[in-house]
């Protein structure tokens, strides 16, 4: 356990209860013989090949993956957060990054050379700790999500969390390649903690071209990458631990106290990613913040909950789909 963390007594039970509920939900939604999709971010807009480029950095930024210059192969999966639905419906938009050839001590046994980063299109989550996350999820499952935000006691109303959810769902999305993405949760950085961010660079689509198709985000990204390459810059925010919360993922880290510092560039070359092999891999790859170097250990309650839930759901999905949990295929082998 990181000394910055504070674990609540009911956290382990909440994590196991959430895993049990999610597993039952998937079992009901995807009966025998049907491919089991992810419980979260099930709709992929595409899995693209990319390069993660780390330059020579100042000494204080040389940590883990960023200790020395290097260019790494990577896959990036762009997705919607909720159940598969039309892309123009308000939703969380996510990005999962899997980087290959990352040597060093890893958090999980069996994860030897990959580093994952998971981000969404908002700096904070609408539920910042395991208890709130569990309650929000179970309220949504019951068909009454507003129950989480409005209790019988007005002094316990979660209007701030409701505003966060509204801000996420009201974002207009021209293309997955046009959004800013944020980790929302913190990660170890020497004796401190950081959050990650991903900002698009160069020329990118700023206005929605045509959202009449249910899959317009995939179609738009396919069009863009057939014509030109794309790129993002990868940043950290170093938390000021006197004011920035480790245990509340709905608390904003203001840029004044935690300025963004660029660590790397992601280059996405021109490509046709919409192929049978690559689409299959998009479903079979697992993205988990705990697929990580120890130097970048996930911290905070939401990340500790993820450790239980992500592994359990991945194990269930892969077993039901008849796909082994194995090291991913290097992207040179995907045509």
Protein backbone atom coordinates (compact mmCIF):
# COMPACT_ATOMS: atom_id res chain seq x y z
CA UNK A 1 0.00 0.00 0.00
CA UNK A 2 1.23 3.48 -0.86
CA UNK A 3 1.59 5.69 2.26
CA UNK A 4 -0.51 8.36 0.52
CA UNK A 5 -3.55 6.06 0.45
CA UNK A 6 -6.36 5.63 2.98
CA UNK A 7 -8.35 2.39 2.70
CA UNK A 8 -11.89 2.30 4.09
CA UNK A 9 -13.00 -0.82 6.05
CA UNK A 10 -15.75 -1.76 3.57
CA UNK A 11 -13.66 -1.36 0.42
CA UNK A 12 -12.82 -5.02 -0.13
CA UNK A 13 -16.47 -6.05 0.29
CA UNK A 14 -17.67 -3.32 -2.07
CA UNK A 15 -15.16 -4.42 -4.72
CA UNK A 16 -16.15 -8.09 -4.49
CA UNK A 17 -19.87 -7.23 -4.43
CA UNK A 18 -19.48 -5.08 -7.53
CA UNK A 19 -17.62 -7.86 -9.33
CA UNK A 20 -20.38 -10.32 -8.41
CA UNK A 21 -23.13 -7.98 -9.64
CA UNK A 22 -21.30 -7.22 -12.89
CA UNK A 23 -20.70 -10.92 -13.55
CA UNK A 24 -24.38 -11.70 -13.00
CA UNK A 25 -25.31 -8.83 -15.31
CA UNK A 26 -23.04 -10.13 -18.08
CA UNK A 27 -24.33 -13.68 -17.60
CA UNK A 28 -27.90 -12.44 -18.08
CA UNK A 29 -27.12 -10.08 -20.96
CA UNK A 30 -24.94 -12.54 -22.89
CA UNK A 31 -26.34 -16.08 -22.55
CA UNK A 32 -24.41 -19.17 -23.60
CA UNK A 33 -23.22 -19.01 -27.20
CA UNK A 34 -23.25 -15.23 -27.37
CA UNK A 35 -20.00 -13.23 -27.38
CA UNK A 36 -19.56 -11.51 -24.02
CA UNK A 37 -18.65 -7.84 -24.39
CA UNK A 38 -17.04 -5.62 -21.78
CA UNK A 39 -19.24 -4.37 -18.94
CA UNK A 40 -17.87 -0.85 -19.54
CA UNK A 41 -16.71 0.65 -22.83
CA UNK A 42 -18.16 -2.26 -24.83
CA UNK A 43 -18.51 -0.33 -28.09
CA UNK A 44 -15.22 0.12 -29.90
CA UNK A 45 -14.76 2.89 -32.48
CA UNK A 46 -11.58 1.17 -33.55
CA UNK A 47 -8.26 -0.25 -32.42
CA UNK A 48 -5.40 1.64 -34.07
CA UNK A 49 -1.68 1.05 -34.34
CA UNK A 50 0.47 3.79 -32.87
CA UNK A 51 3.93 4.74 -31.63
CA UNK A 52 4.54 6.12 -28.14
CA UNK A 53 7.60 8.38 -28.35
CA UNK A 54 9.48 9.39 -25.19
CA UNK A 55 12.07 12.18 -25.70
CA UNK A 56 15.03 13.08 -23.50
CA UNK A 57 13.39 14.58 -20.41
CA UNK A 58 14.57 16.71 -17.47
CA UNK A 59 15.86 14.70 -14.50
CA UNK A 60 12.74 15.26 -12.37
CA UNK A 61 10.58 13.67 -15.08
CA UNK A 62 12.72 10.58 -15.57
CA UNK A 63 10.54 7.96 -13.91
CA UNK A 64 9.69 4.42 -15.05
CA UNK A 65 8.68 4.34 -18.70
CA UNK A 66 9.96 7.90 -19.07
CA UNK A 67 13.45 7.25 -17.66
CA UNK A 68 15.13 7.28 -21.06
CA UNK A 69 14.29 8.19 -24.66
CA UNK A 70 12.58 5.51 -26.69
CA UNK A 71 9.94 4.73 -29.28
CA UNK A 72 7.46 2.01 -28.37
CA UNK A 73 4.84 0.19 -30.40
CA UNK A 74 1.31 0.61 -29.03
CA UNK A 75 -2.33 -0.17 -29.62
CA UNK A 76 -4.99 2.44 -28.86
CA UNK A 77 -8.66 1.49 -28.47
CA UNK A 78 -11.26 4.28 -28.70
CA UNK A 79 -14.69 3.57 -27.22
CA UNK A 80 -18.04 4.69 -25.83
CA UNK A 81 -18.59 4.13 -22.13
CA UNK A 82 -22.14 2.80 -21.85
CA UNK A 83 -23.88 -0.09 -23.59
CA UNK A 84 -23.65 -0.13 -27.41
CA UNK A 85 -25.81 2.71 -28.69
CA UNK A 86 -25.84 5.45 -31.32
CA UNK A 87 -22.72 7.58 -31.09
CA UNK A 88 -24.64 10.87 -30.96
CA UNK A 89 -26.20 9.89 -27.62
CA UNK A 90 -24.39 11.61 -24.76
CA UNK A 91 -21.86 9.28 -23.17
CA UNK A 92 -18.42 8.92 -21.64
CA UNK A 93 -15.78 8.50 -24.37
CA UNK A 94 -12.70 6.49 -23.52
CA UNK A 95 -9.26 5.61 -24.75
CA UNK A 96 -7.15 2.63 -23.74
CA UNK A 97 -3.43 2.65 -24.56
CA UNK A 98 -1.34 -0.54 -24.50
CA UNK A 99 2.41 -0.04 -24.93
CA UNK A 100 4.82 -2.89 -25.80
CA UNK A 101 8.43 -3.56 -24.89
CA UNK A 102 8.32 -1.87 -21.47
CA UNK A 103 10.98 -3.49 -19.32
CA UNK A 104 11.08 -3.31 -15.53
CA UNK A 105 9.22 -4.49 -12.44
CA UNK A 106 5.47 -4.77 -13.10
CA UNK A 107 2.53 -4.63 -10.69
CA UNK A 108 0.93 -7.93 -11.74
CA UNK A 109 2.43 -11.35 -12.22
CA UNK A 110 2.45 -12.34 -15.87
CA UNK A 111 2.57 -8.74 -17.08
CA UNK A 112 6.18 -8.48 -18.13
CA UNK A 113 6.54 -6.00 -20.97
CA UNK A 114 3.35 -3.94 -21.37
CA UNK A 115 2.14 -0.66 -19.89
CA UNK A 116 -1.50 0.42 -20.09
CA UNK A 117 -3.00 3.88 -19.66
CA UNK A 118 -6.79 4.38 -19.44
CA UNK A 119 -8.38 7.81 -19.89
CA UNK A 120 -11.80 9.41 -20.53
CA UNK A 121 -12.96 12.73 -21.98
CA UNK A 122 -13.35 14.48 -18.62
CA UNK A 123 -10.88 15.40 -15.85
CA UNK A 124 -13.02 13.90 -13.04
CA UNK A 125 -15.49 11.07 -12.41
CA UNK A 126 -19.09 11.53 -11.22
CA UNK A 127 -18.38 9.17 -8.30
CA UNK A 128 -15.08 9.69 -6.57
CA UNK A 129 -14.66 6.77 -4.14
CA UNK A 130 -15.55 3.06 -4.02
CA UNK A 131 -18.73 3.52 -1.97
CA UNK A 132 -20.09 6.26 -4.24
CA UNK A 133 -19.08 4.33 -7.36
CA UNK A 134 -20.86 1.23 -6.09
CA UNK A 135 -23.99 3.19 -5.19
CA UNK A 136 -24.08 5.00 -8.53
CA UNK A 137 -23.74 1.73 -10.39
CA UNK A 138 -26.39 -0.13 -8.41
CA UNK A 139 -28.79 2.82 -8.73
CA UNK A 140 -28.32 2.75 -12.50
CA UNK A 141 -28.81 -1.02 -12.54
CA UNK A 142 -32.12 -0.63 -10.71
CA UNK A 143 -33.36 1.70 -13.44
CA UNK A 144 -33.33 4.75 -11.19
CA UNK A 145 -29.92 6.46 -11.50
CA UNK A 146 -31.24 9.66 -9.93
CA UNK A 147 -31.59 7.75 -6.64
CA UNK A 148 -27.82 8.11 -6.23
CA UNK A 149 -27.89 11.89 -6.62
CA UNK A 150 -31.07 12.65 -4.62
CA UNK A 151 -31.60 10.95 -1.25
CA UNK A 152 -34.43 11.69 1.18
CA UNK A 153 -32.09 14.10 2.97
CA UNK A 154 -31.45 17.25 0.87
CA UNK A 155 -28.19 17.83 2.74
CA UNK A 156 -26.87 14.59 1.19
CA UNK A 157 -27.80 15.43 -2.41
CA UNK A 158 -24.86 14.96 -4.78
CA UNK A 159 -25.45 17.90 -7.09
CA UNK A 160 -21.75 18.26 -7.87
CA UNK A 161 -21.59 14.66 -9.11
CA UNK A 162 -24.74 15.19 -11.16
CA UNK A 163 -23.17 18.24 -12.80
CA UNK A 164 -20.06 16.22 -13.66
CA UNK A 165 -22.19 13.55 -15.34
CA UNK A 166 -24.12 16.23 -17.24
CA UNK A 167 -20.89 17.85 -18.44
CA UNK A 168 -19.60 14.50 -19.72
CA UNK A 169 -22.78 13.57 -21.54
CA UNK A 170 -23.28 17.01 -23.10
CA UNK A 171 -19.92 17.07 -24.88
CA UNK A 172 -20.15 17.21 -28.68
CA UNK A 173 -17.73 14.77 -30.30
CA UNK A 174 -16.49 15.44 -33.86
CA UNK A 175 -14.08 12.49 -33.77
CA UNK A 176 -12.31 10.26 -31.24
CA UNK A 177 -9.11 11.86 -32.54
CA UNK A 178 -10.31 15.34 -31.53
CA UNK A 179 -10.92 14.94 -27.80
CA UNK A 180 -8.90 15.69 -24.69
CA UNK A 181 -8.66 12.66 -22.41
CA UNK A 182 -7.83 12.40 -18.69
CA UNK A 183 -6.98 9.55 -16.30
CA UNK A 184 -9.23 11.02 -13.53
CA UNK A 185 -7.46 8.74 -11.01
CA UNK A 186 -3.93 9.20 -9.58
CA UNK A 187 -0.78 7.13 -10.03
CA UNK A 188 2.45 6.83 -8.09
CA UNK A 189 5.29 9.18 -9.04
CA UNK A 190 8.35 8.88 -6.79
CA UNK A 191 7.08 10.02 -3.35
CA UNK A 192 4.12 11.84 -4.87
CA UNK A 193 1.23 11.27 -7.26
CA UNK A 194 0.27 12.30 -10.77
CA UNK A 195 -2.68 12.22 -13.11
CA UNK A 196 -2.35 11.68 -16.86
CA UNK A 197 -3.81 13.60 -19.78
CA UNK A 198 -3.85 13.23 -23.55
CA UNK A 199 -4.34 16.25 -25.83
CA UNK A 200 -4.71 16.17 -29.64
CA UNK A 201 -2.11 18.01 -31.70
CA UNK A 202 -1.78 19.31 -35.24
CA UNK A 203 -4.82 19.56 -37.51
CA UNK A 204 -7.85 17.68 -36.23
CA UNK A 205 -11.60 17.79 -36.82
CA UNK A 206 -13.26 20.45 -34.67
CA UNK A 207 -16.85 20.27 -35.96
CA UNK A 208 -19.17 17.29 -36.30
CA UNK A 209 -19.33 16.43 -40.00
CA UNK A 210 -22.30 14.05 -40.05
CA UNK A 211 -23.73 12.21 -37.04
CA UNK A 212 -26.67 10.56 -38.83
CA UNK A 213 -25.02 7.12 -38.68
CA UNK A 214 -25.13 5.17 -35.41
CA UNK A 215 -21.40 4.55 -35.87
CA UNK A 216 -20.34 7.97 -37.12
CA UNK A 217 -17.32 8.12 -34.79
CA UNK A 218 -15.81 4.97 -36.30
CA UNK A 219 -16.62 6.21 -39.79
CA UNK A 220 -15.12 9.63 -39.14
CA UNK A 221 -11.94 8.18 -37.65
CA UNK A 222 -11.66 5.73 -40.55
CA UNK A 223 -11.94 8.61 -43.03
CA UNK A 224 -9.36 10.73 -41.20
CA UNK A 225 -6.76 7.96 -40.91
CA UNK A 226 -7.20 6.98 -44.54
CA UNK A 227 -6.08 10.50 -45.50
CA UNK A 228 -3.44 11.48 -42.95
CA UNK A 229 -1.73 10.61 -39.69
CA UNK A 230 -2.86 11.84 -36.28
CA UNK A 231 -1.10 12.65 -33.01
CA UNK A 232 -1.55 13.38 -29.32
CA UNK A 233 0.73 14.73 -26.60
CA UNK A 234 0.86 12.82 -23.30
CA UNK A 235 1.02 14.88 -20.08
CA UNK A 236 1.18 14.49 -16.33
CA UNK A 237 -0.09 16.72 -13.54
CA UNK A 238 1.95 16.43 -10.37
CA UNK A 239 -0.45 16.69 -7.47
CA UNK A 240 0.04 19.20 -4.68
CA UNK A 241 -0.69 16.77 -1.87
CA UNK A 242 -1.53 19.59 0.54
CA UNK A 243 -4.69 20.29 -1.45
CA UNK A 244 -5.19 17.58 -4.08
CA UNK A 245 -7.07 14.46 -3.07
CA UNK A 246 -5.70 10.95 -3.69
CA UNK A 247 -8.91 9.21 -2.62
CA UNK A 248 -11.52 11.34 -4.42
CA UNK A 249 -11.57 10.90 -8.21
CA UNK A 250 -14.33 13.51 -8.53
CA UNK A 251 -12.06 16.24 -7.12
CA UNK A 252 -10.46 18.47 -9.74
CA UNK A 253 -6.69 19.08 -9.70
CA UNK A 254 -6.46 22.72 -10.76
CA UNK A 255 -3.85 23.58 -13.35
CA UNK A 256 -2.53 26.47 -11.27
CA UNK A 257 -1.19 24.14 -8.59
CA UNK A 258 -0.67 21.15 -10.88
CA UNK A 259 0.39 22.39 -14.34
CA UNK A 260 0.42 19.96 -17.25
CA UNK A 261 3.93 18.75 -18.16
CA UNK A 262 4.50 16.99 -21.47
CA UNK A 263 6.20 13.58 -21.28
CA UNK A 264 5.64 11.92 -24.65
CA UNK A 265 4.01 12.05 -28.09
CA UNK A 266 1.66 9.49 -29.59
CA UNK A 267 1.91 9.11 -33.36
CA UNK A 268 -0.95 7.36 -35.18
CA UNK A 269 0.06 6.69 -38.80
CA UNK A 270 -2.29 6.55 -41.77
CA UNK A 271 -3.94 3.14 -41.74
CA UNK A 272 -7.00 1.02 -42.32
CA UNK A 273 -7.83 -0.23 -38.83
CA UNK A 274 -11.30 -1.52 -39.75
CA UNK A 275 -10.25 -5.07 -40.61
CA UNK A 276 -11.59 -8.41 -39.28
CA UNK A 277 -8.34 -9.27 -37.46
CA UNK A 278 -7.95 -5.87 -35.87
CA UNK A 279 -11.61 -5.65 -34.85
CA UNK A 280 -11.35 -9.09 -33.23
CA UNK A 281 -8.25 -7.99 -31.38
CA UNK A 282 -10.08 -4.87 -30.19
CA UNK A 283 -12.53 -7.14 -28.38
CA UNK A 284 -9.99 -9.64 -27.05
CA UNK A 285 -7.36 -7.24 -25.72
CA UNK A 286 -7.75 -6.33 -22.06
CA UNK A 287 -6.89 -2.84 -20.86
CA UNK A 288 -6.25 -2.43 -17.15
CA UNK A 289 -4.46 0.35 -15.23
CA UNK A 290 -2.77 -2.42 -13.22
CA UNK A 291 -0.97 -3.58 -16.37
CA UNK A 292 1.75 -1.22 -15.24
CA UNK A 293 5.27 -0.73 -14.04
CA UNK A 294 5.55 -0.49 -10.26
CA UNK A 295 6.91 3.03 -10.80
CA UNK A 296 3.45 3.97 -12.10
CA UNK A 297 1.35 1.96 -9.62
CA UNK A 298 -2.35 2.96 -9.63
CA UNK A 299 -3.36 4.51 -6.30
CA UNK A 300 -6.59 5.69 -4.70
CA UNK A 301 -9.83 3.86 -3.94
CA UNK A 302 -11.24 3.71 -7.48
CA UNK A 303 -8.00 2.17 -8.75
CA UNK A 304 -7.92 -0.35 -5.89
CA UNK A 305 -11.49 -1.34 -6.79
CA UNK A 306 -10.46 -1.66 -10.44
CA UNK A 307 -7.76 -4.17 -9.50
CA UNK A 308 -10.43 -6.61 -8.31
CA UNK A 309 -13.14 -5.84 -10.86
CA UNK A 310 -11.09 -5.51 -14.05
CA UNK A 311 -9.24 -8.77 -13.55
CA UNK A 312 -12.40 -10.64 -12.56
CA UNK A 313 -14.39 -9.39 -15.55
CA UNK A 314 -11.52 -10.05 -17.96
CA UNK A 315 -11.18 -13.60 -16.66
CA UNK A 316 -14.93 -14.21 -16.99
CA UNK A 317 -15.18 -12.72 -20.49
CA UNK A 318 -12.21 -14.58 -21.87
CA UNK A 319 -13.34 -17.92 -20.42
CA UNK A 320 -16.86 -17.54 -21.84
CA UNK A 321 -15.53 -16.42 -25.23
CA UNK A 322 -12.95 -19.21 -25.38
CA UNK A 323 -10.06 -16.77 -25.61
CA UNK A 324 -6.98 -17.15 -23.44
CA UNK A 325 -5.63 -14.27 -21.37
CA UNK A 326 -2.31 -14.06 -23.15
CA UNK A 327 0.26 -11.49 -24.09
CA UNK A 328 -1.15 -9.34 -26.93
CA UNK A 329 0.05 -9.74 -30.50
CA UNK A 330 2.68 -7.16 -31.56
CA UNK A 331 1.12 -4.92 -34.14
CA UNK A 332 3.58 -5.76 -36.87
CA UNK A 333 1.75 -9.12 -37.23
CA UNK A 334 -1.66 -7.51 -37.83
CA UNK A 335 -2.32 -6.71 -41.49
